[in-house]
Amino acid sequence: MNMEAKPLQFSGAANADAGTAETPPAKKSGRARRFARATALFAVLGFVAYFTYPWLAARWTHVFLDDARIAANMIAVSSEVSGRIISLPVIAGDKVVRGQVLATIDAASASQELKGLEAQVTGVKSQQDQLRSQQGFVRGQVAAKLQAAEAQIAAAQASHAAAEAALQNAQSQFDRVKALAGRNVLSAQQLEDSDARLAAATQQERLTAAGILTARANLEVVTAEEAQIGVLDQQIATLDAQVEVLSAQIEQKRIDLGRRDIRAEFDGVIDSTFIDAGEYVSPGTRLLIYHDPSTVWVDANVKETDFRRLTAGAPAQIAIDAYPNREFRGEVVRIGEAATSQFALLPSPNPSGNFTKVTQRLPVRISIEQQDGLLRPGMMVEVSIDVD
């Protein structure tokens, strides 16, 4: 019995030893799987981090705008006068230089009106010359009459002085004769003769005094005629005013004629034309649009939530949809002072109390250099502004 029990004990011990020997490889296999999974997870996380970190970093340090466009000064050329278009030598796409004729408006009627105004000025100036001649004639006549009147006054005054002297002499003689006649030295006839001479001297003195008044009256008449010179001066001045009015009209008509040839104000390129030769236009009619291709920029609208991060002078990278393989650079040159909604044609007030909050946008202008004429107004671009 004892001999049989020993082999059984040996067999159990052998089985136990065999089980102990099989356990370590299983543990090693589980650890290897967990390590492999962890390694794969870290690799995936590292891969994701490697490729997402630049994107996240860019979002932290840049403001991205995807609704930007190339812009330029699009100049609308309009007519300043009325008339028929007789020439339109440009079409869309043409390059023009400063001073080049873009359109010509018929000037025949304006030229005739200018000639009529010039003829009126000539007629008015002829009237002025006639009035000046009349004025010179009147001035000569008045001067001669003044001299004659003054001479007449001087002669009348001299005659009056002689008459006064004769009157005094006659009065003295009459007084002596009267005294002698009272003493019966002279006869009554001599007294009467002396009285008659005194009366004649008195009348002569009165006549010469009246002659002075007449001469002075004639001088006043001549002086009144001299006022006619002033009247002629006023008439000439009135005609001067007419000449000024007509001259202003002539100058305006010349300006009108100058506006019949519509010329380019700068070197540029024609974007679009709106009329054809032969059409009638009036002041304000739009004829064409052109712009200077060397002066372009980028207009973008930034969200108000990103607006505080922007500063003037911030560098920007610009990607143009039309040229995906080319990189353009610029900088922020202007930041808007009001949201674009404030300039909407139809504002959206909220009288009903129903309110939906919408993120507003503010305009931003970014400089960009023209390169080989590639940048055209209206092209879509994407902008990344460095705000770090």
Protein backbone atom coordinates (compact mmCIF):
# COMPACT_ATOMS: atom_id res chain seq x y z
CA MET A 1 0.00 0.00 0.00
CA ASN A 2 2.70 2.38 0.90
CA MET A 3 4.53 1.54 -2.25
CA GLU A 4 1.51 2.43 -4.34
CA ALA A 5 0.85 5.69 -2.50
CA LYS A 6 4.23 7.14 -3.23
CA PRO A 7 3.87 7.10 -6.96
CA LEU A 8 0.56 8.91 -6.60
CA GLN A 9 2.16 11.60 -4.51
CA PHE A 10 4.93 11.94 -7.02
CA SER A 11 2.50 12.24 -9.82
CA GLY A 12 0.60 15.11 -8.11
CA ALA A 13 3.79 16.91 -7.37
CA ALA A 14 4.82 16.52 -10.97
CA ASN A 15 1.51 17.92 -12.15
CA ALA A 16 1.86 20.86 -9.80
CA ASP A 17 5.29 21.57 -11.09
CA ALA A 18 4.04 21.31 -14.61
CA GLY A 19 1.23 23.88 -13.91
CA THR A 20 3.67 26.24 -12.33
CA ALA A 21 5.85 26.09 -15.39
CA GLU A 22 2.94 27.02 -17.83
CA THR A 23 1.69 30.26 -16.00
CA PRO A 24 4.49 32.83 -16.84
CA PRO A 25 4.01 32.78 -20.66
CA ALA A 26 0.29 33.69 -20.29
CA LYS A 27 1.07 36.66 -18.09
CA LYS A 28 3.69 37.83 -20.49
CA SER A 29 1.21 37.67 -23.38
CA GLY A 30 -1.36 39.92 -21.58
CA ARG A 31 1.20 42.51 -20.70
CA ALA A 32 2.42 42.59 -24.27
CA ARG A 33 -1.08 43.21 -25.56
CA ARG A 34 -1.69 46.04 -23.09
CA PHE A 35 1.63 47.61 -23.95
CA ALA A 36 0.88 47.35 -27.65
CA ARG A 37 -2.51 48.97 -27.18
CA ALA A 38 -1.01 51.79 -25.10
CA THR A 39 1.73 52.28 -27.66
CA ALA A 40 -0.83 52.45 -30.46
CA LEU A 41 -2.98 54.90 -28.48
CA PHE A 42 -0.03 57.18 -27.78
CA ALA A 43 1.00 56.96 -31.40
CA VAL A 44 -2.47 57.96 -32.55
CA LEU A 45 -2.60 60.79 -30.02
CA GLY A 46 0.84 61.93 -31.08
CA PHE A 47 -0.15 61.71 -34.74
CA VAL A 48 -3.31 63.74 -34.07
CA ALA A 49 -1.43 66.25 -31.95
CA TYR A 50 1.27 66.56 -34.58
CA PHE A 51 -1.19 67.41 -37.30
CA THR A 52 -3.73 69.42 -35.24
CA TYR A 53 -1.34 71.50 -33.19
CA PRO A 54 -0.43 73.86 -36.07
CA TRP A 55 -4.10 74.31 -36.82
CA LEU A 56 -4.93 75.03 -33.17
CA ALA A 57 -1.92 77.29 -32.79
CA ALA A 58 -2.96 79.18 -35.91
CA ARG A 59 -6.44 79.64 -34.48
CA TRP A 60 -4.96 81.08 -31.31
CA THR A 61 -2.54 83.43 -33.02
CA HIS A 62 -4.41 84.37 -36.22
CA VAL A 63 -7.78 85.67 -37.35
CA PHE A 64 -9.05 83.94 -40.47
CA LEU A 65 -11.38 85.62 -42.95
CA ASP A 66 -12.84 83.68 -45.85
CA ASP A 67 -15.27 86.27 -47.23
CA ALA A 68 -12.71 88.83 -48.42
CA ARG A 69 -12.42 90.29 -51.91
CA ILE A 70 -9.97 92.26 -53.99
CA ALA A 71 -11.17 95.87 -54.26
CA ALA A 72 -10.21 99.00 -56.20
CA ASN A 73 -11.55 102.46 -56.92
CA MET A 74 -14.17 101.72 -59.56
CA ILE A 75 -14.75 105.11 -61.19
CA ALA A 76 -18.12 105.61 -62.86
CA VAL A 77 -17.84 108.17 -65.67
CA SER A 78 -21.05 110.12 -66.27
CA SER A 79 -22.08 112.80 -68.73
CA GLU A 80 -22.13 116.39 -67.50
CA VAL A 81 -23.98 117.73 -70.56
CA SER A 82 -26.80 116.74 -72.85
CA GLY A 83 -26.27 115.51 -76.39
CA ARG A 84 -25.84 112.57 -78.70
CA ILE A 85 -22.84 110.26 -78.39
CA ILE A 86 -20.94 110.52 -81.68
CA SER A 87 -17.90 108.49 -80.66
CA LEU A 88 -17.13 105.75 -78.12
CA PRO A 89 -13.64 104.48 -79.00
CA VAL A 90 -13.21 102.14 -75.98
CA ILE A 91 -14.76 98.85 -74.89
CA ALA A 92 -14.47 96.69 -71.78
CA GLY A 93 -10.90 95.46 -71.29
CA ASP A 94 -9.19 98.34 -73.10
CA LYS A 95 -6.27 100.00 -71.35
CA VAL A 96 -6.38 103.80 -71.36
CA VAL A 97 -3.90 106.51 -70.44
CA ARG A 98 -4.46 109.82 -68.74
CA GLY A 99 -5.99 112.35 -71.16
CA GLN A 100 -7.25 109.78 -73.65
CA VAL A 101 -10.72 110.45 -75.08
CA LEU A 102 -13.22 107.92 -73.75
CA ALA A 103 -16.36 109.33 -75.41
CA THR A 104 -17.38 112.33 -77.50
CA ILE A 105 -20.74 114.12 -77.33
CA ASP A 106 -22.09 116.18 -80.25
CA ALA A 107 -21.04 119.85 -79.85
CA ALA A 108 -22.73 121.48 -82.88
CA SER A 109 -25.57 123.17 -80.96
CA ALA A 110 -23.25 124.31 -78.18
CA SER A 111 -20.88 125.84 -80.75
CA GLN A 112 -23.72 127.81 -82.33
CA GLU A 113 -24.87 129.05 -78.94
CA LEU A 114 -21.32 130.17 -78.20
CA LYS A 115 -21.19 132.13 -81.45
CA GLY A 116 -24.51 133.79 -80.61
CA LEU A 117 -23.24 134.87 -77.20
CA GLU A 118 -20.03 136.24 -78.70
CA ALA A 119 -22.11 138.23 -81.24
CA GLN A 120 -24.18 139.69 -78.38
CA VAL A 121 -21.00 140.77 -76.62
CA THR A 122 -19.81 142.46 -79.80
CA GLY A 123 -23.13 144.32 -80.13
CA VAL A 124 -23.08 145.49 -76.52
CA LYS A 125 -19.51 146.71 -76.86
CA SER A 126 -20.51 148.63 -80.00
CA GLN A 127 -23.25 150.33 -77.99
CA GLN A 128 -20.68 151.21 -75.36
CA ASP A 129 -18.40 152.73 -77.99
CA GLN A 130 -21.31 154.79 -79.32
CA LEU A 131 -22.18 156.02 -75.84
CA ARG A 132 -18.56 156.90 -75.15
CA SER A 133 -18.42 158.90 -78.38
CA GLN A 134 -21.62 160.69 -77.43
CA GLN A 135 -20.21 161.28 -73.99
CA GLY A 136 -17.06 162.84 -75.46
CA PHE A 137 -19.15 165.08 -77.71
CA VAL A 138 -21.34 166.20 -74.79
CA ARG A 139 -18.28 166.76 -72.66
CA GLY A 140 -16.76 169.02 -75.34
CA GLN A 141 -19.99 170.97 -75.76
CA VAL A 142 -20.42 171.40 -72.04
CA ALA A 143 -16.85 172.57 -71.65
CA ALA A 144 -17.33 175.22 -74.37
CA LYS A 145 -20.64 176.36 -72.90
CA LEU A 146 -19.11 176.56 -69.46
CA GLN A 147 -16.39 178.83 -70.77
CA ALA A 148 -18.95 180.99 -72.57
CA ALA A 149 -21.19 181.17 -69.49
CA GLU A 150 -18.29 182.09 -67.24
CA ALA A 151 -17.20 184.77 -69.76
CA GLN A 152 -20.76 186.08 -69.91
CA ILE A 153 -20.87 186.30 -66.11
CA ALA A 154 -17.56 188.16 -66.10
CA ALA A 155 -18.82 190.62 -68.77
CA ALA A 156 -22.10 191.13 -66.92
CA GLN A 157 -20.24 191.80 -63.71
CA ALA A 158 -18.00 194.33 -65.46
CA SER A 159 -21.02 196.06 -67.03
CA HIS A 160 -22.72 196.13 -63.66
CA ALA A 161 -19.64 197.69 -62.05
CA ALA A 162 -19.58 200.40 -64.74
CA ALA A 163 -23.31 200.97 -64.31
CA GLU A 164 -22.88 201.32 -60.57
CA ALA A 165 -20.10 203.87 -61.10
CA ALA A 166 -22.26 205.81 -63.59
CA LEU A 167 -25.16 205.68 -61.12
CA GLN A 168 -23.02 207.07 -58.34
CA ASN A 169 -21.82 209.86 -60.61
CA ALA A 170 -25.38 210.65 -61.74
CA GLN A 171 -26.52 210.64 -58.14
CA SER A 172 -23.74 213.09 -57.14
CA GLN A 173 -24.54 215.42 -60.04
CA PHE A 174 -28.23 215.29 -59.24
CA ASP A 175 -27.54 216.17 -55.61
CA ARG A 176 -25.41 219.22 -56.61
CA VAL A 177 -27.89 220.38 -59.23
CA LYS A 178 -30.74 220.02 -56.84
CA ALA A 179 -28.89 222.04 -54.19
CA LEU A 180 -28.04 224.81 -56.65
CA ALA A 181 -31.55 224.77 -58.06
CA GLY A 182 -32.85 225.32 -54.56
CA ARG A 183 -30.81 228.51 -54.34
CA ASN A 184 -32.03 229.46 -57.83
CA VAL A 185 -28.48 229.21 -59.18
CA LEU A 186 -29.52 226.64 -61.80
CA SER A 187 -32.71 226.44 -63.75
CA ALA A 188 -35.43 223.89 -63.33
CA GLN A 189 -34.60 222.47 -66.76
CA GLN A 190 -31.11 221.60 -65.59
CA LEU A 191 -32.60 219.92 -62.55
CA GLU A 192 -34.90 217.86 -64.74
CA ASP A 193 -32.00 216.86 -67.00
CA SER A 194 -29.95 215.78 -64.02
CA ASP A 195 -32.89 213.79 -62.68
CA ALA A 196 -33.33 212.09 -66.05
CA ARG A 197 -29.65 211.14 -66.16
CA LEU A 198 -29.97 209.71 -62.64
CA ALA A 199 -32.99 207.66 -63.65
CA ALA A 200 -31.20 206.37 -66.75
CA ALA A 201 -28.15 205.40 -64.66
CA THR A 202 -30.42 203.64 -62.19
CA GLN A 203 -32.08 201.63 -64.95
CA GLN A 204 -28.69 200.80 -66.46
CA GLU A 205 -27.46 199.50 -63.10
CA ARG A 206 -30.57 197.35 -62.75
CA LEU A 207 -30.14 196.07 -66.30
CA THR A 208 -26.54 195.03 -65.73
CA ALA A 209 -27.50 193.38 -62.45
CA ALA A 210 -30.14 191.41 -64.34
CA GLY A 211 -27.47 190.52 -66.88
CA ILE A 212 -25.43 188.93 -64.10
CA LEU A 213 -28.44 186.84 -63.02
CA THR A 214 -29.03 185.81 -66.62
CA ALA A 215 -25.39 184.76 -67.05
CA ARG A 216 -25.53 182.76 -63.84
CA ALA A 217 -28.75 181.10 -64.97
CA ASN A 218 -27.06 180.16 -68.23
CA LEU A 219 -24.20 178.65 -66.20
CA GLU A 220 -26.69 176.55 -64.24
CA VAL A 221 -28.23 175.34 -67.49
CA VAL A 222 -24.79 174.32 -68.73
CA THR A 223 -24.10 172.62 -65.42
CA ALA A 224 -27.35 170.70 -65.80
CA GLU A 225 -26.26 169.61 -69.26
CA GLU A 226 -23.04 168.36 -67.68
CA ALA A 227 -25.14 165.88 -65.66
CA GLN A 228 -25.93 164.17 -68.98
CA ILE A 229 -22.35 162.92 -68.94
CA GLY A 230 -23.12 161.10 -65.69
CA VAL A 231 -26.24 159.56 -67.24
CA LEU A 232 -24.13 158.27 -70.09
CA ASP A 233 -21.67 156.87 -67.57
CA GLN A 234 -24.51 154.92 -65.93
CA GLN A 235 -25.64 153.58 -69.28
CA ILE A 236 -22.10 152.48 -70.07
CA ALA A 237 -21.85 150.82 -66.65
CA THR A 238 -25.13 148.98 -67.30
CA LEU A 239 -23.74 147.70 -70.56
CA ASP A 240 -20.57 146.65 -68.71
CA ALA A 241 -22.75 144.50 -66.46
CA GLN A 242 -24.37 142.95 -69.53
CA VAL A 243 -20.93 142.22 -70.96
CA GLU A 244 -19.94 140.50 -67.72
CA VAL A 245 -23.09 138.37 -67.76
CA LEU A 246 -22.55 137.43 -71.38
CA SER A 247 -18.87 136.74 -70.73
CA ALA A 248 -19.83 134.39 -67.89
CA GLN A 249 -22.28 132.63 -70.20
CA ILE A 250 -19.56 132.35 -72.86
CA GLU A 251 -17.14 130.88 -70.34
CA GLN A 252 -19.80 128.42 -69.17
CA LYS A 253 -20.48 127.46 -72.77
CA ARG A 254 -16.77 126.93 -73.38
CA ILE A 255 -16.64 124.69 -70.33
CA ASP A 256 -19.66 122.88 -71.76
CA LEU A 257 -17.79 122.39 -75.02
CA GLY A 258 -14.76 121.10 -73.12
CA ARG A 259 -16.96 118.52 -71.41
CA ARG A 260 -18.08 117.17 -74.76
CA ASP A 261 -14.78 115.29 -75.00
CA ILE A 262 -14.76 112.98 -71.98
CA ARG A 263 -11.16 112.08 -71.13
CA ALA A 264 -9.50 109.66 -68.73
CA GLU A 265 -8.30 111.22 -65.51
CA PHE A 266 -5.69 108.50 -64.88
CA ASP A 267 -4.11 105.43 -66.44
CA GLY A 268 -6.47 102.50 -66.10
CA VAL A 269 -8.51 99.79 -67.70
CA ILE A 270 -12.13 99.89 -68.89
CA ASP A 271 -14.37 97.58 -66.85
CA SER A 272 -17.72 98.11 -68.56
CA THR A 273 -19.56 100.47 -70.92
CA PHE A 274 -23.26 101.26 -70.67
CA ILE A 275 -24.02 103.18 -73.88
CA ASP A 276 -23.32 102.95 -77.59
CA ALA A 277 -22.49 105.57 -80.20
CA GLY A 278 -25.65 107.31 -81.39
CA GLU A 279 -27.46 107.26 -78.05
CA TYR A 280 -28.70 110.50 -76.47
CA VAL A 281 -27.48 111.21 -72.96
CA SER A 282 -28.35 113.82 -70.36
CA PRO A 283 -26.40 115.12 -67.36
CA GLY A 284 -25.81 112.27 -64.92
CA THR A 285 -26.12 109.46 -67.47
CA ARG A 286 -23.55 106.78 -66.62
CA LEU A 287 -21.31 106.05 -69.60
CA LEU A 288 -18.66 103.61 -68.40
CA ILE A 289 -16.64 102.32 -65.44
CA TYR A 290 -12.87 102.04 -65.24
CA HIS A 291 -10.25 101.63 -62.54
CA ASP A 292 -6.52 101.89 -61.91
CA PRO A 293 -5.22 98.29 -61.82
CA SER A 294 -2.05 99.31 -59.98
CA THR A 295 -4.01 100.39 -56.90
CA VAL A 296 -5.81 97.47 -55.30
CA TRP A 297 -6.45 96.28 -51.76
CA VAL A 298 -8.42 93.64 -49.87
CA ASP A 299 -11.75 94.42 -48.22
CA ALA A 300 -12.86 91.96 -45.55
CA ASN A 301 -15.48 91.79 -42.83
CA VAL A 302 -14.28 90.53 -39.46
CA LYS A 303 -16.53 89.13 -36.74
CA GLU A 304 -17.05 91.41 -33.78
CA THR A 305 -15.80 88.62 -31.51
CA ASP A 306 -12.41 88.80 -33.27
CA PHE A 307 -12.40 92.55 -33.75
CA ARG A 308 -10.69 93.32 -30.45
CA ARG A 309 -7.69 91.23 -31.52
CA LEU A 310 -6.94 93.33 -34.59
CA THR A 311 -4.53 96.25 -34.74
CA ALA A 312 -3.47 98.51 -37.57
CA GLY A 313 -0.23 97.33 -39.14
CA ALA A 314 -0.79 93.66 -38.32
CA PRO A 315 0.75 91.42 -41.03
CA ALA A 316 -1.53 89.25 -43.11
CA GLN A 317 -1.16 86.28 -45.43
CA ILE A 318 -3.49 86.32 -48.40
CA ALA A 319 -4.57 83.33 -50.45
CA ILE A 320 -6.35 84.11 -53.70
CA ASP A 321 -8.75 81.53 -55.05
CA ALA A 322 -7.68 82.24 -58.62
CA TYR A 323 -4.00 81.54 -57.83
CA PRO A 324 -3.90 78.76 -55.22
CA ASN A 325 -0.18 78.14 -55.66
CA ARG A 326 0.89 81.72 -55.05
CA GLU A 327 1.24 83.49 -51.73
CA PHE A 328 0.55 87.19 -51.22
CA ARG A 329 1.29 89.31 -48.18
CA GLY A 330 -0.11 92.54 -46.83
CA GLU A 331 -0.99 94.33 -43.63
CA VAL A 332 -4.02 95.83 -41.96
CA VAL A 333 -4.20 99.50 -42.97
CA ARG A 334 -7.69 100.46 -41.85
CA ILE A 335 -10.18 99.17 -39.30
CA GLY A 336 -13.85 100.07 -39.61
CA GLU A 337 -15.60 102.29 -37.08
CA ALA A 338 -19.10 100.82 -37.53
CA ALA A 339 -20.63 97.45 -38.26
CA THR A 340 -21.68 96.73 -41.83
CA SER A 341 -25.32 96.40 -40.69
CA GLN A 342 -25.39 100.14 -40.07
CA PHE A 343 -25.03 100.73 -43.80
CA ALA A 344 -27.72 98.31 -44.89
CA LEU A 345 -30.23 99.70 -47.37
CA LEU A 346 -33.08 98.19 -45.35
CA PRO A 347 -32.23 98.29 -41.62
CA SER A 348 -33.84 95.71 -39.37
CA PRO A 349 -35.36 97.41 -36.32
CA ASN A 350 -36.93 95.32 -33.58
CA PRO A 351 -40.26 96.93 -32.61
CA SER A 352 -42.04 93.63 -31.90
CA GLY A 353 -39.72 92.51 -29.13
CA ASN A 354 -38.67 89.32 -30.94
CA PHE A 355 -34.90 89.34 -30.91
CA THR A 356 -32.40 87.04 -32.56
CA LYS A 357 -28.82 87.87 -31.77
CA VAL A 358 -26.56 87.76 -34.81
CA THR A 359 -22.82 88.22 -34.71
CA GLN A 360 -22.03 91.49 -36.42
CA ARG A 361 -19.14 92.17 -38.76
CA LEU A 362 -16.91 95.20 -39.14
CA PRO A 363 -15.00 96.18 -42.29
CA VAL A 364 -11.24 95.83 -42.47
CA ARG A 365 -8.94 96.99 -45.27
CA ILE A 366 -5.72 95.13 -45.99
CA SER A 367 -2.99 96.36 -48.31
CA ILE A 368 -1.69 94.16 -51.10
CA GLU A 369 0.82 94.73 -53.88
CA GLN A 370 -0.30 94.24 -57.46
CA GLN A 371 1.75 91.56 -59.20
CA ASP A 372 1.88 91.43 -62.98
CA GLY A 373 -1.70 92.69 -63.19
CA LEU A 374 -3.02 89.44 -61.74
CA LEU A 375 -5.21 90.98 -59.07
CA ARG A 376 -8.64 91.96 -60.35
CA PRO A 377 -11.40 93.70 -58.34
CA GLY A 378 -13.98 91.25 -57.06
CA MET A 379 -11.70 88.21 -56.80
CA MET A 380 -12.37 86.08 -53.73
CA VAL A 381 -9.52 85.71 -51.25
CA GLU A 382 -8.88 84.17 -47.85
CA VAL A 383 -6.94 86.17 -45.30
CA SER A 384 -5.02 85.13 -42.23
CA ILE A 385 -4.13 88.06 -39.95
CA ASP A 386 -1.38 87.60 -37.39
CA VAL A 387 -2.70 88.81 -34.01
CA ASP A 388 -0.07 87.20 -31.76
